N, C-alpha and C. Protein backbone atom coordinates (compact mmCIF):
# COMPACT_ATOMS: atom_id res chain seq x y z
N UNK A 1 -6.62 20.10 22.41
CA UNK A 1 -6.31 18.82 22.99
C UNK A 1 -7.60 18.00 23.02
N UNK A 2 -7.58 16.83 22.37
CA UNK A 2 -8.71 15.91 22.40
C UNK A 2 -8.37 14.74 23.31
N UNK A 3 -9.33 14.28 24.08
CA UNK A 3 -9.13 13.08 24.88
C UNK A 3 -10.47 12.42 25.11
N UNK A 4 -10.42 11.16 25.53
CA UNK A 4 -11.65 10.40 25.75
C UNK A 4 -11.68 9.90 27.17
N UNK A 5 -12.90 9.64 27.64
CA UNK A 5 -13.12 9.11 28.97
C UNK A 5 -13.67 7.70 28.85
N UNK A 6 -13.59 6.94 29.92
CA UNK A 6 -14.05 5.54 29.92
C UNK A 6 -15.50 5.40 29.50
N UNK A 7 -16.32 6.40 29.75
CA UNK A 7 -17.74 6.30 29.45
C UNK A 7 -18.05 6.47 27.97
N UNK A 8 -17.04 6.72 27.13
CA UNK A 8 -17.27 6.89 25.70
C UNK A 8 -17.46 8.33 25.27
N UNK A 9 -17.04 9.25 26.10
CA UNK A 9 -17.15 10.67 25.78
C UNK A 9 -15.86 11.17 25.14
N UNK A 10 -16.01 11.97 24.09
CA UNK A 10 -14.87 12.62 23.46
C UNK A 10 -14.90 14.08 23.89
N UNK A 11 -13.79 14.53 24.49
CA UNK A 11 -13.69 15.90 25.00
C UNK A 11 -12.67 16.69 24.20
N UNK A 12 -12.86 18.00 24.16
CA UNK A 12 -11.91 18.92 23.55
C UNK A 12 -11.59 20.01 24.57
N UNK A 13 -10.30 20.21 24.81
CA UNK A 13 -9.85 21.30 25.66
C UNK A 13 -9.18 22.34 24.78
N UNK A 14 -9.71 23.55 24.78
CA UNK A 14 -9.08 24.67 24.09
C UNK A 14 -8.28 25.42 25.14
N UNK A 15 -6.96 25.41 24.99
CA UNK A 15 -6.07 26.00 25.99
C UNK A 15 -5.41 27.23 25.39
N UNK A 16 -5.53 28.35 26.09
CA UNK A 16 -4.91 29.60 25.65
C UNK A 16 -4.31 30.27 26.88
N UNK A 17 -2.98 30.25 26.95
CA UNK A 17 -2.31 30.81 28.12
C UNK A 17 -2.66 30.00 29.36
N UNK A 18 -3.16 30.68 30.38
CA UNK A 18 -3.56 30.01 31.62
C UNK A 18 -5.06 29.70 31.65
N UNK A 19 -5.75 30.04 30.58
CA UNK A 19 -7.19 29.81 30.50
C UNK A 19 -7.48 28.57 29.64
N UNK A 20 -8.56 27.86 29.96
CA UNK A 20 -8.97 26.75 29.13
C UNK A 20 -10.49 26.66 29.12
N UNK A 21 -10.97 26.04 28.07
CA UNK A 21 -12.40 25.80 27.91
C UNK A 21 -12.58 24.34 27.52
N UNK A 22 -13.48 23.64 28.19
CA UNK A 22 -13.74 22.23 27.89
C UNK A 22 -15.08 22.11 27.16
N UNK A 23 -15.09 21.24 26.16
CA UNK A 23 -16.30 21.01 25.38
C UNK A 23 -16.47 19.51 25.17
N UNK A 24 -17.69 19.01 25.31
CA UNK A 24 -17.98 17.61 24.98
C UNK A 24 -18.30 17.58 23.49
N UNK A 25 -17.53 16.80 22.75
CA UNK A 25 -17.70 16.72 21.29
C UNK A 25 -18.65 15.62 20.87
N UNK A 26 -18.54 14.46 21.52
CA UNK A 26 -19.36 13.31 21.12
C UNK A 26 -19.49 12.35 22.29
N UNK A 27 -20.58 11.63 22.28
CA UNK A 27 -20.82 10.58 23.27
C UNK A 27 -21.23 9.33 22.50
N UNK A 28 -20.33 8.34 22.46
CA UNK A 28 -20.62 7.14 21.67
C UNK A 28 -21.08 5.97 22.53
N UNK A 29 -21.19 6.20 23.83
CA UNK A 29 -21.77 5.22 24.76
C UNK A 29 -21.01 3.90 24.87
N UNK A 30 -19.76 3.87 24.43
CA UNK A 30 -18.90 2.70 24.56
C UNK A 30 -17.52 3.19 24.95
N UNK A 31 -16.82 2.49 25.84
CA UNK A 31 -15.46 2.91 26.20
C UNK A 31 -14.55 2.98 24.97
N UNK A 32 -13.82 4.07 24.85
CA UNK A 32 -12.92 4.29 23.71
C UNK A 32 -11.53 3.75 24.07
N UNK A 33 -11.02 2.85 23.24
CA UNK A 33 -9.70 2.27 23.51
C UNK A 33 -8.59 2.98 22.75
N UNK A 34 -8.90 3.57 21.59
CA UNK A 34 -7.89 4.27 20.80
C UNK A 34 -8.48 5.54 20.21
N UNK A 35 -7.65 6.56 20.17
CA UNK A 35 -8.02 7.85 19.58
C UNK A 35 -6.85 8.26 18.70
N UNK A 36 -7.08 8.26 17.37
CA UNK A 36 -6.00 8.52 16.42
C UNK A 36 -6.41 9.68 15.53
N UNK A 37 -5.50 10.63 15.33
CA UNK A 37 -5.79 11.76 14.45
C UNK A 37 -5.12 11.53 13.10
N UNK A 38 -5.81 11.93 12.04
CA UNK A 38 -5.28 11.74 10.68
C UNK A 38 -4.04 12.60 10.48
N UNK A 39 -3.19 12.20 9.53
CA UNK A 39 -1.96 12.96 9.28
C UNK A 39 -2.19 14.42 8.92
N UNK A 40 -3.34 14.74 8.32
CA UNK A 40 -3.62 16.14 7.98
C UNK A 40 -4.48 16.83 9.05
N UNK A 41 -4.69 16.17 10.18
CA UNK A 41 -5.39 16.72 11.34
C UNK A 41 -6.86 17.08 11.08
N UNK A 42 -7.50 16.41 10.13
CA UNK A 42 -8.89 16.73 9.81
C UNK A 42 -9.90 15.72 10.34
N UNK A 43 -9.45 14.51 10.68
CA UNK A 43 -10.36 13.45 11.12
C UNK A 43 -9.77 12.73 12.32
N UNK A 44 -10.62 12.45 13.29
CA UNK A 44 -10.24 11.59 14.42
C UNK A 44 -10.87 10.23 14.19
N UNK A 45 -10.10 9.19 14.44
CA UNK A 45 -10.58 7.82 14.37
C UNK A 45 -10.70 7.31 15.81
N UNK A 46 -11.91 6.92 16.21
CA UNK A 46 -12.17 6.44 17.56
C UNK A 46 -12.47 4.95 17.49
N UNK A 47 -11.73 4.15 18.23
CA UNK A 47 -11.95 2.70 18.27
C UNK A 47 -12.38 2.35 19.69
N UNK A 48 -13.46 1.57 19.79
CA UNK A 48 -13.99 1.24 21.11
C UNK A 48 -13.51 -0.13 21.58
N UNK A 49 -13.69 -0.38 22.87
CA UNK A 49 -13.36 -1.68 23.44
C UNK A 49 -14.20 -2.80 22.83
N UNK A 50 -15.37 -2.46 22.31
CA UNK A 50 -16.28 -3.46 21.75
C UNK A 50 -16.03 -3.73 20.28
N UNK A 51 -15.04 -3.05 19.68
CA UNK A 51 -14.67 -3.32 18.31
C UNK A 51 -15.37 -2.47 17.27
N UNK A 52 -15.91 -1.35 17.67
CA UNK A 52 -16.56 -0.44 16.74
C UNK A 52 -15.64 0.74 16.49
N UNK A 53 -15.63 1.23 15.25
CA UNK A 53 -14.81 2.40 14.91
C UNK A 53 -15.72 3.53 14.46
N UNK A 54 -15.39 4.72 14.89
CA UNK A 54 -16.13 5.93 14.55
C UNK A 54 -15.16 6.95 13.98
N UNK A 55 -15.69 7.87 13.16
CA UNK A 55 -14.91 9.02 12.72
C UNK A 55 -15.56 10.28 13.29
N UNK A 56 -14.73 11.25 13.56
CA UNK A 56 -15.19 12.55 14.05
C UNK A 56 -14.38 13.61 13.34
N UNK A 57 -15.06 14.58 12.73
CA UNK A 57 -14.39 15.66 12.01
C UNK A 57 -14.47 16.93 12.86
N UNK A 58 -13.36 17.31 13.49
CA UNK A 58 -13.37 18.47 14.39
C UNK A 58 -13.86 19.77 13.74
N UNK A 59 -13.53 19.99 12.48
CA UNK A 59 -13.94 21.23 11.83
C UNK A 59 -15.45 21.32 11.65
N UNK A 60 -16.13 20.18 11.60
CA UNK A 60 -17.58 20.18 11.40
C UNK A 60 -18.35 20.16 12.71
N UNK A 61 -17.68 19.86 13.82
CA UNK A 61 -18.29 19.84 15.15
C UNK A 61 -19.61 19.07 15.20
N UNK A 62 -19.69 18.03 14.43
CA UNK A 62 -20.91 17.21 14.44
C UNK A 62 -20.74 16.01 15.35
N UNK A 63 -21.61 15.05 15.18
CA UNK A 63 -21.54 13.82 15.95
C UNK A 63 -20.49 12.88 15.36
N UNK A 64 -20.04 11.95 16.17
CA UNK A 64 -19.16 10.90 15.68
C UNK A 64 -20.01 9.97 14.81
N UNK A 65 -19.46 9.53 13.70
CA UNK A 65 -20.18 8.68 12.75
C UNK A 65 -19.65 7.26 12.84
N UNK A 66 -20.56 6.29 13.06
CA UNK A 66 -20.15 4.89 13.12
C UNK A 66 -19.68 4.47 11.74
N UNK A 67 -18.48 3.93 11.71
CA UNK A 67 -17.88 3.55 10.45
C UNK A 67 -17.79 2.04 10.30
N UNK A 68 -17.26 1.38 11.30
CA UNK A 68 -17.02 -0.05 11.23
C UNK A 68 -17.56 -0.71 12.49
N UNK A 69 -18.02 -1.94 12.34
CA UNK A 69 -18.50 -2.68 13.49
C UNK A 69 -17.98 -4.11 13.38
N UNK A 70 -17.06 -4.47 14.26
CA UNK A 70 -16.49 -5.82 14.23
C UNK A 70 -17.56 -6.79 14.70
N UNK A 71 -17.93 -7.71 13.86
CA UNK A 71 -19.01 -8.64 14.19
C UNK A 71 -18.55 -9.74 15.13
N UNK A 72 -17.52 -10.46 14.76
CA UNK A 72 -17.14 -11.62 15.55
C UNK A 72 -15.93 -11.39 16.45
N UNK A 73 -15.05 -10.49 16.07
CA UNK A 73 -13.87 -10.21 16.89
C UNK A 73 -13.68 -8.71 17.00
N UNK A 74 -13.00 -8.29 18.01
CA UNK A 74 -12.78 -6.86 18.25
C UNK A 74 -11.51 -6.37 17.59
N UNK A 75 -11.55 -5.11 17.17
CA UNK A 75 -10.35 -4.47 16.65
C UNK A 75 -9.39 -4.27 17.81
N UNK A 76 -8.15 -4.65 17.60
CA UNK A 76 -7.12 -4.37 18.59
C UNK A 76 -6.50 -3.01 18.34
N UNK A 77 -6.37 -2.67 17.07
CA UNK A 77 -5.75 -1.39 16.72
C UNK A 77 -6.23 -0.97 15.34
N UNK A 78 -6.17 0.33 15.12
CA UNK A 78 -6.50 0.89 13.81
C UNK A 78 -5.66 2.14 13.64
N UNK A 79 -5.40 2.48 12.39
CA UNK A 79 -4.64 3.69 12.11
C UNK A 79 -4.92 4.12 10.68
N UNK A 80 -4.60 5.36 10.37
CA UNK A 80 -4.77 5.89 9.03
C UNK A 80 -3.66 5.38 8.13
N UNK A 81 -3.97 5.16 6.86
CA UNK A 81 -2.96 4.87 5.85
C UNK A 81 -2.58 6.20 5.21
N UNK A 82 -1.33 6.51 5.21
CA UNK A 82 -0.90 7.80 4.68
C UNK A 82 -0.40 7.64 3.26
N UNK A 83 -0.41 8.68 2.47
CA UNK A 83 -0.79 10.04 2.82
C UNK A 83 -2.32 10.22 2.80
N UNK A 84 -2.79 11.25 3.47
CA UNK A 84 -4.20 11.59 3.46
C UNK A 84 -4.98 10.93 4.59
N UNK A 85 -6.30 11.02 4.47
CA UNK A 85 -7.19 10.50 5.50
C UNK A 85 -8.37 9.74 4.89
N UNK A 86 -8.14 9.09 3.75
CA UNK A 86 -9.23 8.39 3.07
C UNK A 86 -9.32 6.91 3.44
N UNK A 87 -8.24 6.34 3.96
CA UNK A 87 -8.19 4.92 4.25
C UNK A 87 -7.63 4.67 5.64
N UNK A 88 -8.06 3.56 6.23
CA UNK A 88 -7.45 3.13 7.49
C UNK A 88 -7.21 1.63 7.43
N UNK A 89 -6.37 1.17 8.32
CA UNK A 89 -6.07 -0.25 8.43
C UNK A 89 -6.39 -0.66 9.86
N UNK A 90 -6.94 -1.86 10.01
CA UNK A 90 -7.27 -2.37 11.35
C UNK A 90 -6.76 -3.80 11.46
N UNK A 91 -6.61 -4.22 12.71
CA UNK A 91 -6.23 -5.60 12.98
C UNK A 91 -7.11 -6.10 14.12
N UNK A 92 -7.57 -7.34 13.99
CA UNK A 92 -8.41 -7.94 15.03
C UNK A 92 -7.57 -8.91 15.85
N UNK A 93 -8.11 -9.32 17.00
CA UNK A 93 -7.35 -10.24 17.85
C UNK A 93 -7.19 -11.61 17.21
N UNK A 94 -8.00 -11.93 16.20
CA UNK A 94 -7.85 -13.22 15.51
C UNK A 94 -6.80 -13.16 14.40
N UNK A 95 -6.21 -11.96 14.16
CA UNK A 95 -5.15 -11.83 13.17
C UNK A 95 -5.61 -11.40 11.80
N UNK A 96 -6.80 -10.86 11.70
CA UNK A 96 -7.28 -10.38 10.40
C UNK A 96 -6.93 -8.90 10.24
N UNK A 97 -6.19 -8.59 9.18
CA UNK A 97 -5.82 -7.23 8.85
C UNK A 97 -6.74 -6.77 7.72
N UNK A 98 -7.33 -5.58 7.89
CA UNK A 98 -8.28 -5.08 6.90
C UNK A 98 -7.96 -3.64 6.54
N UNK A 99 -8.20 -3.29 5.28
CA UNK A 99 -8.07 -1.91 4.81
C UNK A 99 -9.47 -1.42 4.52
N UNK A 100 -9.81 -0.21 5.06
CA UNK A 100 -11.15 0.34 4.97
C UNK A 100 -11.13 1.69 4.25
N UNK A 101 -12.20 1.94 3.49
CA UNK A 101 -12.42 3.26 2.90
C UNK A 101 -13.23 4.06 3.90
N UNK A 102 -12.69 5.14 4.41
CA UNK A 102 -13.32 5.87 5.50
C UNK A 102 -14.59 6.62 5.10
N UNK A 103 -14.74 6.89 3.84
CA UNK A 103 -15.92 7.63 3.38
C UNK A 103 -17.22 6.92 3.71
N UNK A 104 -17.24 5.59 3.50
CA UNK A 104 -18.50 4.85 3.73
C UNK A 104 -18.31 3.53 4.49
N UNK A 105 -17.08 3.26 4.95
CA UNK A 105 -16.84 2.04 5.73
C UNK A 105 -16.68 0.78 4.91
N UNK A 106 -16.47 0.91 3.62
CA UNK A 106 -16.28 -0.25 2.76
C UNK A 106 -14.95 -0.93 3.05
N UNK A 107 -15.00 -2.26 3.23
CA UNK A 107 -13.77 -3.03 3.40
C UNK A 107 -13.18 -3.28 2.02
N UNK A 108 -11.97 -2.79 1.78
CA UNK A 108 -11.33 -2.89 0.47
C UNK A 108 -10.44 -4.12 0.34
N UNK A 109 -9.89 -4.56 1.46
CA UNK A 109 -8.95 -5.66 1.39
C UNK A 109 -8.85 -6.33 2.75
N UNK A 110 -8.60 -7.66 2.74
CA UNK A 110 -8.42 -8.42 3.97
C UNK A 110 -7.23 -9.34 3.82
N UNK A 111 -6.56 -9.56 4.91
CA UNK A 111 -5.46 -10.50 4.95
C UNK A 111 -5.53 -11.20 6.30
N UNK A 112 -5.62 -12.52 6.29
CA UNK A 112 -5.65 -13.27 7.53
C UNK A 112 -4.24 -13.77 7.83
N UNK A 113 -3.70 -13.37 8.98
CA UNK A 113 -2.35 -13.75 9.36
C UNK A 113 -2.26 -15.16 9.92
N UNK A 114 -3.42 -15.79 10.14
CA UNK A 114 -3.50 -17.14 10.69
C UNK A 114 -2.75 -17.28 12.01
N UNK A 115 -2.81 -16.24 12.82
CA UNK A 115 -2.20 -16.26 14.14
C UNK A 115 -2.94 -15.25 15.02
N UNK A 116 -3.09 -15.58 16.28
CA UNK A 116 -3.71 -14.65 17.21
C UNK A 116 -2.71 -13.53 17.51
N UNK A 117 -3.19 -12.29 17.51
CA UNK A 117 -2.30 -11.17 17.76
C UNK A 117 -2.71 -10.44 19.04
N UNK A 118 -1.79 -9.69 19.58
CA UNK A 118 -2.07 -8.89 20.78
C UNK A 118 -1.32 -7.56 20.67
N UNK A 119 -1.76 -6.61 21.45
CA UNK A 119 -1.12 -5.30 21.47
C UNK A 119 -0.40 -5.17 22.80
N UNK A 120 0.87 -4.76 22.74
CA UNK A 120 1.64 -4.57 23.97
C UNK A 120 2.12 -3.16 24.09
């Protein structure tokens, strides 16, 4: 079980029967607004309140890697494009939809909806 705290910490709970073990996986120093796991369960996508996106690979137990940084507007939501875990899509509050290559954070495509969007 992975979950995040307001302080920007990513936690992992290993639960077996009535016993559990908690581990701090990453500290990104920004409140995490979304935590999405890839369809093949190999990558976690962390989106912060400040509009930055990070990837975390549970099997590698390393640090979270900064992938995207929204310069002028914040990401409202992001998710993986299936199948696989090579691409993600994000939307900003200004209505810009972007497709990203997760390997290096390259923006592959943009579409401006010309409308302000919100998440409900």
